[in-house]
Amino acid sequence: MTRKDCVKVLITAMALALLPGCASITHDSSQRIRLETRLPDGGAAEGADCALQSDGKRYELKTPGTVVVARSGSNLEITCRHPSFPEAKATAVSRANAGMYGNILLGGAIGAIIDHSSGKAYNYPTWLQLVMGKILWFDRSDETDGLPSVARVTGTISEEPAIFDQKVTMDDLKDLMTTAR
């Protein structure tokens, strides 16, 4: 390789290293997520209070609604509560978007590191339908544009209150003490 060829390669490499990451150009640092709550039979359970958390940030909304969250490589944990139904829980999995792959192919490690650190390299599923009484798992890779994300049921939430949630007073025990004599 001639000296002239070495200089061309060096200049090209430096220019690529200085380019901003692909995801930084194509994606904002935040993302809109549509959230709905449903009953197990498919009917709407409107008016649930939902909290979404990721990377120490918390977002709240009442369903149905849309919330803007910061993009992140961390999953989004969601809990929805409604006075008439058992709560709903879900995990929305964050996945690398096409901009991250563009970084790896074109921009190299510097752009990938920048976009990973800022969260711009990741997307959450965009339309979530939580089911009251269920624990769901939403994966961005299962999403079809224009449709609610496909959910996997990973558990159920009992309608019965836990035993430790019930308070017992001395008045509740007085009948037991008189019959024991």
N, C-alpha and C. Protein backbone atom coordinates (compact mmCIF):
# COMPACT_ATOMS: atom_id res chain seq x y z
N MET A 1 0.85 -1.16 0.00
CA MET A 1 0.00 0.00 0.00
C MET A 1 0.90 1.24 0.00
N THR A 2 0.58 2.15 -0.87
CA THR A 2 1.40 3.36 -0.98
C THR A 2 1.05 4.33 0.15
N ARG A 3 1.92 5.31 0.29
CA ARG A 3 1.70 6.33 1.32
C ARG A 3 0.40 7.07 1.04
N LYS A 4 0.11 7.35 -0.22
CA LYS A 4 -1.11 8.05 -0.60
C LYS A 4 -2.35 7.22 -0.22
N ASP A 5 -2.29 5.91 -0.43
CA ASP A 5 -3.40 5.03 -0.06
C ASP A 5 -3.60 5.01 1.46
N CYS A 6 -2.51 5.00 2.20
CA CYS A 6 -2.59 5.02 3.67
C CYS A 6 -3.26 6.30 4.17
N VAL A 7 -2.92 7.43 3.55
CA VAL A 7 -3.52 8.70 3.94
C VAL A 7 -5.02 8.68 3.65
N LYS A 8 -5.44 8.14 2.49
CA LYS A 8 -6.85 8.05 2.14
C LYS A 8 -7.61 7.20 3.16
N VAL A 9 -7.03 6.07 3.51
CA VAL A 9 -7.68 5.18 4.49
C VAL A 9 -7.79 5.87 5.84
N LEU A 10 -6.74 6.55 6.25
CA LEU A 10 -6.74 7.25 7.53
C LEU A 10 -7.78 8.37 7.56
N ILE A 11 -7.86 9.16 6.50
CA ILE A 11 -8.84 10.25 6.42
C ILE A 11 -10.26 9.69 6.42
N THR A 12 -10.49 8.63 5.68
CA THR A 12 -11.81 8.00 5.64
C THR A 12 -12.19 7.48 7.02
N ALA A 13 -11.27 6.82 7.69
CA ALA A 13 -11.54 6.28 9.03
C ALA A 13 -11.85 7.40 10.02
N MET A 14 -11.10 8.49 9.95
CA MET A 14 -11.34 9.61 10.86
C MET A 14 -12.69 10.27 10.57
N ALA A 15 -13.05 10.40 9.31
CA ALA A 15 -14.33 11.00 8.95
C ALA A 15 -15.49 10.14 9.46
N LEU A 16 -15.37 8.82 9.32
CA LEU A 16 -16.42 7.93 9.81
C LEU A 16 -16.52 8.00 11.33
N ALA A 17 -15.41 8.11 12.00
CA ALA A 17 -15.41 8.17 13.47
C ALA A 17 -16.05 9.45 13.97
N LEU A 18 -15.97 10.52 13.21
CA LEU A 18 -16.52 11.79 13.63
C LEU A 18 -18.01 11.94 13.33
N LEU A 19 -18.55 11.05 12.49
CA LEU A 19 -19.97 11.13 12.16
C LEU A 19 -20.80 10.79 13.39
N PRO A 20 -21.93 11.48 13.60
CA PRO A 20 -22.81 11.09 14.70
C PRO A 20 -23.42 9.73 14.39
N GLY A 21 -23.89 9.06 15.42
CA GLY A 21 -24.47 7.74 15.24
C GLY A 21 -25.74 7.79 14.42
N CYS A 22 -26.04 6.68 13.75
CA CYS A 22 -27.23 6.61 12.91
C CYS A 22 -28.51 6.77 13.73
N ALA A 23 -28.59 6.13 14.89
CA ALA A 23 -29.79 6.25 15.71
C ALA A 23 -29.95 7.67 16.23
N SER A 24 -28.84 8.37 16.46
CA SER A 24 -28.91 9.76 16.91
C SER A 24 -29.57 10.63 15.87
N ILE A 25 -29.40 10.29 14.62
CA ILE A 25 -29.98 11.06 13.52
C ILE A 25 -31.44 10.68 13.30
N THR A 26 -31.75 9.39 13.37
CA THR A 26 -33.08 8.90 13.00
C THR A 26 -34.06 8.80 14.16
N HIS A 27 -33.59 8.82 15.41
CA HIS A 27 -34.48 8.65 16.56
C HIS A 27 -34.27 9.75 17.60
N ASP A 28 -35.38 10.11 18.23
CA ASP A 28 -35.35 11.06 19.34
C ASP A 28 -34.95 10.30 20.60
N SER A 29 -34.69 10.99 21.68
CA SER A 29 -34.33 10.33 22.93
C SER A 29 -35.56 9.86 23.70
N SER A 30 -36.76 10.16 23.19
CA SER A 30 -37.99 9.71 23.84
C SER A 30 -38.88 8.99 22.83
N GLN A 31 -39.88 8.28 23.36
CA GLN A 31 -40.77 7.49 22.53
C GLN A 31 -42.18 7.53 23.12
N ARG A 32 -43.18 7.56 22.24
CA ARG A 32 -44.59 7.52 22.66
C ARG A 32 -45.04 6.07 22.75
N ILE A 33 -45.78 5.76 23.82
CA ILE A 33 -46.34 4.43 24.01
C ILE A 33 -47.83 4.57 24.28
N ARG A 34 -48.63 3.85 23.52
CA ARG A 34 -50.08 3.82 23.71
C ARG A 34 -50.39 2.69 24.69
N LEU A 35 -51.18 2.99 25.72
CA LEU A 35 -51.46 2.01 26.77
C LEU A 35 -52.96 1.90 27.00
N GLU A 36 -53.45 0.66 26.99
CA GLU A 36 -54.86 0.38 27.25
C GLU A 36 -54.94 -0.75 28.27
N THR A 37 -56.04 -0.79 29.03
CA THR A 37 -56.28 -1.90 29.94
C THR A 37 -57.56 -2.60 29.52
N ARG A 38 -57.51 -3.92 29.58
CA ARG A 38 -58.62 -4.77 29.14
C ARG A 38 -58.98 -5.77 30.23
N LEU A 39 -60.19 -6.30 30.11
CA LEU A 39 -60.63 -7.39 30.97
C LEU A 39 -60.24 -8.71 30.30
N PRO A 40 -60.22 -9.80 31.05
CA PRO A 40 -59.87 -11.09 30.44
C PRO A 40 -60.77 -11.48 29.26
N ASP A 41 -62.04 -10.99 29.26
CA ASP A 41 -62.94 -11.32 28.14
C ASP A 41 -62.74 -10.39 26.94
N GLY A 42 -61.79 -9.44 27.03
CA GLY A 42 -61.49 -8.54 25.92
C GLY A 42 -62.13 -7.17 26.03
N GLY A 43 -63.08 -7.01 26.94
CA GLY A 43 -63.72 -5.71 27.12
C GLY A 43 -62.76 -4.68 27.70
N ALA A 44 -63.10 -3.42 27.53
CA ALA A 44 -62.23 -2.34 28.02
C ALA A 44 -62.37 -2.19 29.54
N ALA A 45 -61.26 -1.89 30.19
CA ALA A 45 -61.23 -1.57 31.62
C ALA A 45 -60.66 -0.16 31.73
N GLU A 46 -61.44 0.80 31.31
CA GLU A 46 -60.96 2.19 31.26
C GLU A 46 -60.83 2.78 32.66
N GLY A 47 -59.94 3.74 32.79
CA GLY A 47 -59.77 4.45 34.04
C GLY A 47 -58.78 3.83 35.00
N ALA A 48 -57.98 2.88 34.55
CA ALA A 48 -56.95 2.31 35.42
C ALA A 48 -55.80 3.30 35.56
N ASP A 49 -55.25 3.38 36.76
CA ASP A 49 -54.08 4.22 37.02
C ASP A 49 -52.84 3.38 36.79
N CYS A 50 -51.99 3.81 35.86
CA CYS A 50 -50.82 3.03 35.49
C CYS A 50 -49.53 3.78 35.80
N ALA A 51 -48.54 3.02 36.23
CA ALA A 51 -47.20 3.56 36.48
C ALA A 51 -46.22 2.74 35.65
N LEU A 52 -45.35 3.43 34.93
CA LEU A 52 -44.32 2.80 34.11
C LEU A 52 -42.97 3.22 34.66
N GLN A 53 -42.03 2.28 34.79
CA GLN A 53 -40.72 2.59 35.35
C GLN A 53 -39.60 1.95 34.54
N SER A 54 -38.53 2.72 34.34
CA SER A 54 -37.32 2.23 33.70
C SER A 54 -36.18 3.17 34.04
N ASP A 55 -35.04 2.61 34.34
CA ASP A 55 -33.84 3.41 34.64
C ASP A 55 -34.08 4.49 35.70
N GLY A 56 -34.87 4.17 36.71
CA GLY A 56 -35.11 5.12 37.79
C GLY A 56 -36.10 6.23 37.45
N LYS A 57 -36.66 6.20 36.26
CA LYS A 57 -37.65 7.21 35.87
C LYS A 57 -39.04 6.60 35.98
N ARG A 58 -40.00 7.41 36.41
CA ARG A 58 -41.37 6.94 36.59
C ARG A 58 -42.31 7.83 35.77
N TYR A 59 -43.27 7.18 35.12
CA TYR A 59 -44.27 7.86 34.30
C TYR A 59 -45.64 7.36 34.74
N GLU A 60 -46.64 8.23 34.72
CA GLU A 60 -47.98 7.84 35.14
C GLU A 60 -49.01 8.29 34.11
N LEU A 61 -50.07 7.50 33.98
CA LEU A 61 -51.19 7.88 33.13
C LEU A 61 -52.42 7.10 33.53
N LYS A 62 -53.57 7.56 33.08
CA LYS A 62 -54.85 6.87 33.27
C LYS A 62 -55.24 6.32 31.90
N THR A 63 -55.70 5.05 31.88
CA THR A 63 -56.01 4.40 30.61
C THR A 63 -57.42 4.73 30.15
N PRO A 64 -57.63 4.72 28.82
CA PRO A 64 -56.59 4.58 27.78
C PRO A 64 -55.84 5.90 27.63
N GLY A 65 -54.60 5.79 27.22
CA GLY A 65 -53.81 7.00 27.05
C GLY A 65 -52.48 6.74 26.39
N THR A 66 -51.76 7.82 26.17
CA THR A 66 -50.43 7.76 25.57
C THR A 66 -49.46 8.46 26.51
N VAL A 67 -48.30 7.87 26.66
CA VAL A 67 -47.27 8.43 27.53
C VAL A 67 -45.97 8.53 26.75
N VAL A 68 -45.19 9.55 27.03
CA VAL A 68 -43.88 9.71 26.41
C VAL A 68 -42.83 9.28 27.43
N VAL A 69 -42.01 8.29 27.06
CA VAL A 69 -40.97 7.77 27.95
C VAL A 69 -39.60 7.97 27.31
N ALA A 70 -38.58 8.01 28.14
CA ALA A 70 -37.21 8.10 27.64
C ALA A 70 -36.81 6.73 27.09
N ARG A 71 -36.18 6.73 25.93
CA ARG A 71 -35.67 5.48 25.36
C ARG A 71 -34.55 4.97 26.26
N SER A 72 -34.43 3.65 26.32
CA SER A 72 -33.43 3.05 27.18
C SER A 72 -33.19 1.61 26.76
N GLY A 73 -32.04 1.10 27.10
CA GLY A 73 -31.75 -0.31 26.88
C GLY A 73 -32.38 -1.19 27.95
N SER A 74 -32.93 -0.57 29.00
CA SER A 74 -33.57 -1.32 30.10
C SER A 74 -35.04 -1.54 29.79
N ASN A 75 -35.57 -2.66 30.27
CA ASN A 75 -36.98 -2.96 30.09
C ASN A 75 -37.84 -1.97 30.86
N LEU A 76 -39.09 -1.83 30.43
CA LEU A 76 -40.06 -0.94 31.05
C LEU A 76 -41.01 -1.80 31.89
N GLU A 77 -41.09 -1.53 33.18
CA GLU A 77 -41.97 -2.27 34.08
C GLU A 77 -43.25 -1.46 34.28
N ILE A 78 -44.40 -2.12 34.12
CA ILE A 78 -45.69 -1.42 34.14
C ILE A 78 -46.62 -2.08 35.15
N THR A 79 -47.31 -1.26 35.94
CA THR A 79 -48.34 -1.75 36.86
C THR A 79 -49.56 -0.85 36.70
N CYS A 80 -50.74 -1.48 36.51
CA CYS A 80 -51.99 -0.73 36.38
C CYS A 80 -52.95 -1.21 37.47
N ARG A 81 -53.61 -0.24 38.13
CA ARG A 81 -54.56 -0.55 39.19
C ARG A 81 -55.91 0.09 38.87
N HIS A 82 -56.96 -0.68 39.15
CA HIS A 82 -58.34 -0.23 38.93
C HIS A 82 -59.13 -0.65 40.16
N PRO A 83 -60.02 0.20 40.68
CA PRO A 83 -60.73 -0.17 41.91
C PRO A 83 -61.65 -1.38 41.77
N SER A 84 -62.06 -1.73 40.57
CA SER A 84 -63.01 -2.82 40.38
C SER A 84 -62.38 -4.15 39.95
N PHE A 85 -61.08 -4.16 39.69
CA PHE A 85 -60.45 -5.37 39.14
C PHE A 85 -59.09 -5.61 39.79
N PRO A 86 -58.60 -6.86 39.72
CA PRO A 86 -57.23 -7.09 40.19
C PRO A 86 -56.25 -6.34 39.29
N GLU A 87 -55.09 -5.99 39.83
CA GLU A 87 -54.14 -5.19 39.06
C GLU A 87 -53.60 -5.95 37.86
N ALA A 88 -53.01 -5.22 36.95
CA ALA A 88 -52.34 -5.78 35.76
C ALA A 88 -50.88 -5.38 35.82
N LYS A 89 -50.01 -6.30 35.44
CA LYS A 89 -48.58 -6.00 35.39
C LYS A 89 -48.02 -6.44 34.05
N ALA A 90 -46.96 -5.76 33.63
CA ALA A 90 -46.33 -6.13 32.36
C ALA A 90 -44.88 -5.67 32.34
N THR A 91 -44.12 -6.35 31.50
CA THR A 91 -42.76 -5.94 31.17
C THR A 91 -42.73 -5.68 29.67
N ALA A 92 -42.27 -4.50 29.27
CA ALA A 92 -42.09 -4.17 27.85
C ALA A 92 -40.59 -4.24 27.57
N VAL A 93 -40.21 -5.18 26.72
CA VAL A 93 -38.79 -5.42 26.43
C VAL A 93 -38.27 -4.39 25.44
N SER A 94 -37.14 -3.82 25.76
CA SER A 94 -36.46 -2.85 24.89
C SER A 94 -35.57 -3.62 23.91
N ARG A 95 -35.62 -3.24 22.66
CA ARG A 95 -34.79 -3.89 21.63
C ARG A 95 -34.04 -2.84 20.83
N ALA A 96 -32.86 -3.21 20.36
CA ALA A 96 -32.06 -2.31 19.52
C ALA A 96 -32.82 -2.04 18.22
N ASN A 97 -32.80 -0.78 17.77
CA ASN A 97 -33.47 -0.43 16.53
C ASN A 97 -32.48 -0.47 15.35
N ALA A 98 -32.99 -0.22 14.16
CA ALA A 98 -32.17 -0.30 12.95
C ALA A 98 -31.00 0.68 12.96
N GLY A 99 -31.18 1.82 13.63
CA GLY A 99 -30.09 2.80 13.71
C GLY A 99 -28.86 2.24 14.39
N MET A 100 -29.06 1.38 15.37
CA MET A 100 -27.92 0.77 16.07
C MET A 100 -27.15 -0.14 15.12
N TYR A 101 -27.87 -0.89 14.31
CA TYR A 101 -27.20 -1.78 13.36
C TYR A 101 -26.48 -0.97 12.28
N GLY A 102 -27.06 0.17 11.91
CA GLY A 102 -26.39 1.06 10.96
C GLY A 102 -25.08 1.58 11.52
N ASN A 103 -25.08 1.87 12.82
CA ASN A 103 -23.84 2.30 13.47
C ASN A 103 -22.77 1.24 13.35
N ILE A 104 -23.15 0.03 13.66
CA ILE A 104 -22.17 -1.06 13.66
C ILE A 104 -21.60 -1.26 12.26
N LEU A 105 -22.48 -1.20 11.24
CA LEU A 105 -22.03 -1.44 9.87
C LEU A 105 -21.27 -0.25 9.28
N LEU A 106 -21.74 0.97 9.56
CA LEU A 106 -21.17 2.14 8.90
C LEU A 106 -20.30 3.02 9.80
N GLY A 107 -20.78 3.27 10.99
CA GLY A 107 -20.12 4.25 11.84
C GLY A 107 -19.12 3.68 12.82
N GLY A 108 -19.17 2.40 13.03
CA GLY A 108 -18.23 1.80 13.96
C GLY A 108 -18.68 1.93 15.40
N ALA A 109 -17.76 1.63 16.27
CA ALA A 109 -18.06 1.53 17.70
C ALA A 109 -18.42 2.86 18.34
N ILE A 110 -17.84 3.94 17.88
CA ILE A 110 -18.09 5.23 18.54
C ILE A 110 -19.57 5.61 18.46
N GLY A 111 -20.16 5.54 17.28
CA GLY A 111 -21.57 5.87 17.13
C GLY A 111 -22.45 4.91 17.92
N ALA A 112 -22.09 3.63 17.94
CA ALA A 112 -22.87 2.64 18.69
C ALA A 112 -22.83 2.95 20.18
N ILE A 113 -21.67 3.33 20.68
CA ILE A 113 -21.53 3.65 22.11
C ILE A 113 -22.34 4.89 22.46
N ILE A 114 -22.28 5.91 21.61
CA ILE A 114 -23.04 7.15 21.85
C ILE A 114 -24.54 6.85 21.89
N ASP A 115 -25.03 6.11 20.90
CA ASP A 115 -26.46 5.83 20.84
C ASP A 115 -26.92 4.89 21.95
N HIS A 116 -26.08 3.95 22.35
CA HIS A 116 -26.42 3.07 23.47
C HIS A 116 -26.53 3.90 24.75
N SER A 117 -25.55 4.75 24.99
CA SER A 117 -25.53 5.56 26.22
C SER A 117 -26.71 6.52 26.31
N SER A 118 -27.13 7.07 25.19
CA SER A 118 -28.24 8.03 25.19
C SER A 118 -29.60 7.34 25.15
N GLY A 119 -29.63 6.04 24.85
CA GLY A 119 -30.89 5.31 24.75
C GLY A 119 -31.51 5.39 23.37
N LYS A 120 -30.98 6.23 22.49
CA LYS A 120 -31.56 6.41 21.16
C LYS A 120 -31.49 5.15 20.30
N ALA A 121 -30.69 4.20 20.69
CA ALA A 121 -30.52 2.98 19.91
C ALA A 121 -31.63 1.96 20.18
N TYR A 122 -32.58 2.29 21.07
CA TYR A 122 -33.56 1.29 21.51
C TYR A 122 -34.99 1.75 21.30
N ASN A 123 -35.89 0.78 21.16
CA ASN A 123 -37.32 1.02 21.05
C ASN A 123 -38.06 0.07 21.98
N TYR A 124 -39.17 0.56 22.53
CA TYR A 124 -40.12 -0.28 23.26
C TYR A 124 -41.26 -0.61 22.30
N PRO A 125 -42.07 -1.63 22.62
CA PRO A 125 -43.30 -1.83 21.85
C PRO A 125 -44.14 -0.55 21.95
N THR A 126 -44.86 -0.21 20.90
CA THR A 126 -45.54 1.09 20.86
C THR A 126 -47.01 1.06 21.28
N TRP A 127 -47.65 -0.11 21.29
CA TRP A 127 -49.07 -0.19 21.64
C TRP A 127 -49.26 -1.39 22.55
N LEU A 128 -49.54 -1.12 23.82
CA LEU A 128 -49.66 -2.18 24.82
C LEU A 128 -51.08 -2.27 25.34
N GLN A 129 -51.61 -3.50 25.42
CA GLN A 129 -52.92 -3.75 26.02
C GLN A 129 -52.71 -4.69 27.20
N LEU A 130 -52.71 -4.12 28.41
CA LEU A 130 -52.57 -4.93 29.60
C LEU A 130 -53.92 -5.54 29.95
N VAL A 131 -53.90 -6.73 30.54
CA VAL A 131 -55.13 -7.42 30.92
C VAL A 131 -55.19 -7.47 32.45
N MET A 132 -56.29 -6.96 33.00
CA MET A 132 -56.46 -6.93 34.45
C MET A 132 -56.41 -8.37 34.99
N GLY A 133 -55.62 -8.56 36.04
CA GLY A 133 -55.46 -9.88 36.64
C GLY A 133 -54.37 -10.72 36.01
N LYS A 134 -53.65 -10.18 35.04
CA LYS A 134 -52.60 -10.94 34.34
C LYS A 134 -51.25 -10.25 34.46
N ILE A 135 -50.20 -11.05 34.35
CA ILE A 135 -48.84 -10.54 34.25
C ILE A 135 -48.38 -10.87 32.83
N LEU A 136 -48.03 -9.85 32.06
CA LEU A 136 -47.73 -10.03 30.63
C LEU A 136 -46.30 -9.63 30.30
N TRP A 137 -45.83 -10.15 29.17
CA TRP A 137 -44.49 -9.88 28.63
C TRP A 137 -44.68 -9.42 27.19
N PHE A 138 -44.27 -8.18 26.89
CA PHE A 138 -44.35 -7.64 25.53
C PHE A 138 -42.94 -7.50 24.98
N ASP A 139 -42.71 -8.05 23.80
CA ASP A 139 -41.39 -7.97 23.18
C ASP A 139 -41.50 -7.18 21.88
N ARG A 140 -40.69 -6.16 21.75
CA ARG A 140 -40.70 -5.31 20.55
C ARG A 140 -40.54 -6.13 19.28
N SER A 141 -39.79 -7.21 19.35
CA SER A 141 -39.54 -8.02 18.15
C SER A 141 -40.80 -8.75 17.67
N ASP A 142 -41.85 -8.82 18.51
CA ASP A 142 -43.11 -9.47 18.13
C ASP A 142 -44.13 -8.48 17.58
N GLU A 143 -43.77 -7.21 17.46
CA GLU A 143 -44.72 -6.16 17.10
C GLU A 143 -44.96 -6.09 15.59
N THR A 144 -46.23 -5.82 15.23
CA THR A 144 -46.62 -5.56 13.85
C THR A 144 -47.15 -4.13 13.80
N ASP A 145 -46.67 -3.33 12.85
CA ASP A 145 -47.09 -1.93 12.75
C ASP A 145 -48.61 -1.81 12.65
N GLY A 146 -49.17 -0.87 13.42
CA GLY A 146 -50.60 -0.60 13.37
C GLY A 146 -51.46 -1.52 14.21
N LEU A 147 -50.85 -2.49 14.90
CA LEU A 147 -51.61 -3.43 15.73
C LEU A 147 -51.06 -3.42 17.16
N PRO A 148 -51.92 -3.79 18.14
CA PRO A 148 -51.39 -3.91 19.50
C PRO A 148 -50.28 -4.97 19.54
N SER A 149 -49.32 -4.77 20.40
CA SER A 149 -48.23 -5.74 20.54
C SER A 149 -48.77 -7.07 21.06
N VAL A 150 -48.19 -8.14 20.59
CA VAL A 150 -48.56 -9.47 21.04
C VAL A 150 -47.98 -9.66 22.44
N ALA A 151 -48.81 -10.16 23.35
CA ALA A 151 -48.37 -10.36 24.73
C ALA A 151 -48.28 -11.84 25.04
N ARG A 152 -47.32 -12.18 25.89
CA ARG A 152 -47.22 -13.53 26.43
C ARG A 152 -47.64 -13.46 27.90
N VAL A 153 -48.54 -14.32 28.32
CA VAL A 153 -48.96 -14.35 29.71
C VAL A 153 -47.90 -15.10 30.51
N THR A 154 -47.37 -14.46 31.54
CA THR A 154 -46.36 -15.10 32.38
C THR A 154 -46.87 -15.40 33.78
N GLY A 155 -48.10 -14.97 34.09
CA GLY A 155 -48.67 -15.25 35.41
C GLY A 155 -50.02 -14.59 35.57
N THR A 156 -50.66 -14.89 36.70
CA THR A 156 -51.94 -14.27 37.03
C THR A 156 -51.84 -13.64 38.41
N ILE A 157 -52.74 -12.70 38.65
CA ILE A 157 -52.79 -12.00 39.93
C ILE A 157 -54.12 -12.35 40.58
N SER A 158 -54.07 -12.87 41.79
CA SER A 158 -55.26 -13.30 42.51
C SER A 158 -56.14 -12.13 42.88
N GLU A 159 -57.45 -12.39 42.86
CA GLU A 159 -58.41 -11.38 43.30
C GLU A 159 -58.53 -11.38 44.81
N GLU A 160 -58.12 -12.47 45.45
CA GLU A 160 -58.22 -12.59 46.90
C GLU A 160 -57.12 -11.78 47.57
N PRO A 161 -57.43 -11.03 48.60
CA PRO A 161 -56.37 -10.31 49.31
C PRO A 161 -55.48 -11.31 50.05
N ALA A 162 -54.24 -10.99 50.19
CA ALA A 162 -53.32 -11.85 50.91
C ALA A 162 -53.70 -11.87 52.38
N ILE A 163 -53.41 -12.98 53.06
CA ILE A 163 -53.77 -13.13 54.48
C ILE A 163 -53.15 -12.02 55.31
N PHE A 164 -51.92 -11.65 55.01
CA PHE A 164 -51.26 -10.63 55.81
C PHE A 164 -51.86 -9.25 55.61
N ASP A 165 -52.75 -9.10 54.64
CA ASP A 165 -53.42 -7.81 54.44
C ASP A 165 -54.64 -7.66 55.35
N GLN A 166 -55.09 -8.76 55.98
CA GLN A 166 -56.26 -8.72 56.84
C GLN A 166 -55.83 -8.43 58.27
N LYS A 167 -56.44 -7.43 58.88
CA LYS A 167 -56.09 -7.06 60.25
C LYS A 167 -57.04 -7.75 61.22
N VAL A 168 -56.48 -8.28 62.29
CA VAL A 168 -57.25 -8.93 63.33
C VAL A 168 -57.14 -8.07 64.59
N THR A 169 -58.29 -7.83 65.21
CA THR A 169 -58.30 -7.04 66.45
C THR A 169 -58.62 -7.95 67.63
N MET A 170 -58.49 -7.44 68.84
CA MET A 170 -58.82 -8.20 70.04
C MET A 170 -60.31 -8.53 70.07
N ASP A 171 -61.15 -7.65 69.53
CA ASP A 171 -62.59 -7.93 69.47
C ASP A 171 -62.87 -9.18 68.63
N ASP A 172 -62.07 -9.40 67.58
CA ASP A 172 -62.24 -10.59 66.75
C ASP A 172 -61.90 -11.86 67.54
N LEU A 173 -61.04 -11.76 68.53
CA LEU A 173 -60.57 -12.92 69.28
C LEU A 173 -61.36 -13.17 70.57
N LYS A 174 -62.19 -12.23 71.01
CA LYS A 174 -62.86 -12.36 72.31
C LYS A 174 -63.78 -13.58 72.36
N ASP A 175 -64.45 -13.91 71.26
CA ASP A 175 -65.33 -15.08 71.26
C ASP A 175 -64.53 -16.37 71.42
N LEU A 176 -63.34 -16.41 70.88
CA LEU A 176 -62.49 -17.59 71.01
C LEU A 176 -62.06 -17.78 72.46
N MET A 177 -61.80 -16.72 73.15
CA MET A 177 -61.31 -16.79 74.53
C MET A 177 -62.42 -17.21 75.48
N THR A 178 -63.67 -16.83 75.26
CA THR A 178 -64.76 -17.21 76.17
C THR A 178 -65.15 -18.66 75.99
N THR A 179 -65.04 -19.20 74.79
CA THR A 179 -65.40 -20.61 74.57
C THR A 179 -64.31 -21.55 75.04
N ALA A 180 -63.12 -21.07 75.22
CA ALA A 180 -62.02 -21.92 75.65
C ALA A 180 -62.07 -22.18 77.15
N ARG A 181 -62.84 -21.43 77.93
CA ARG A 181 -62.89 -21.59 79.39
C ARG A 181 -63.67 -22.74 79.79
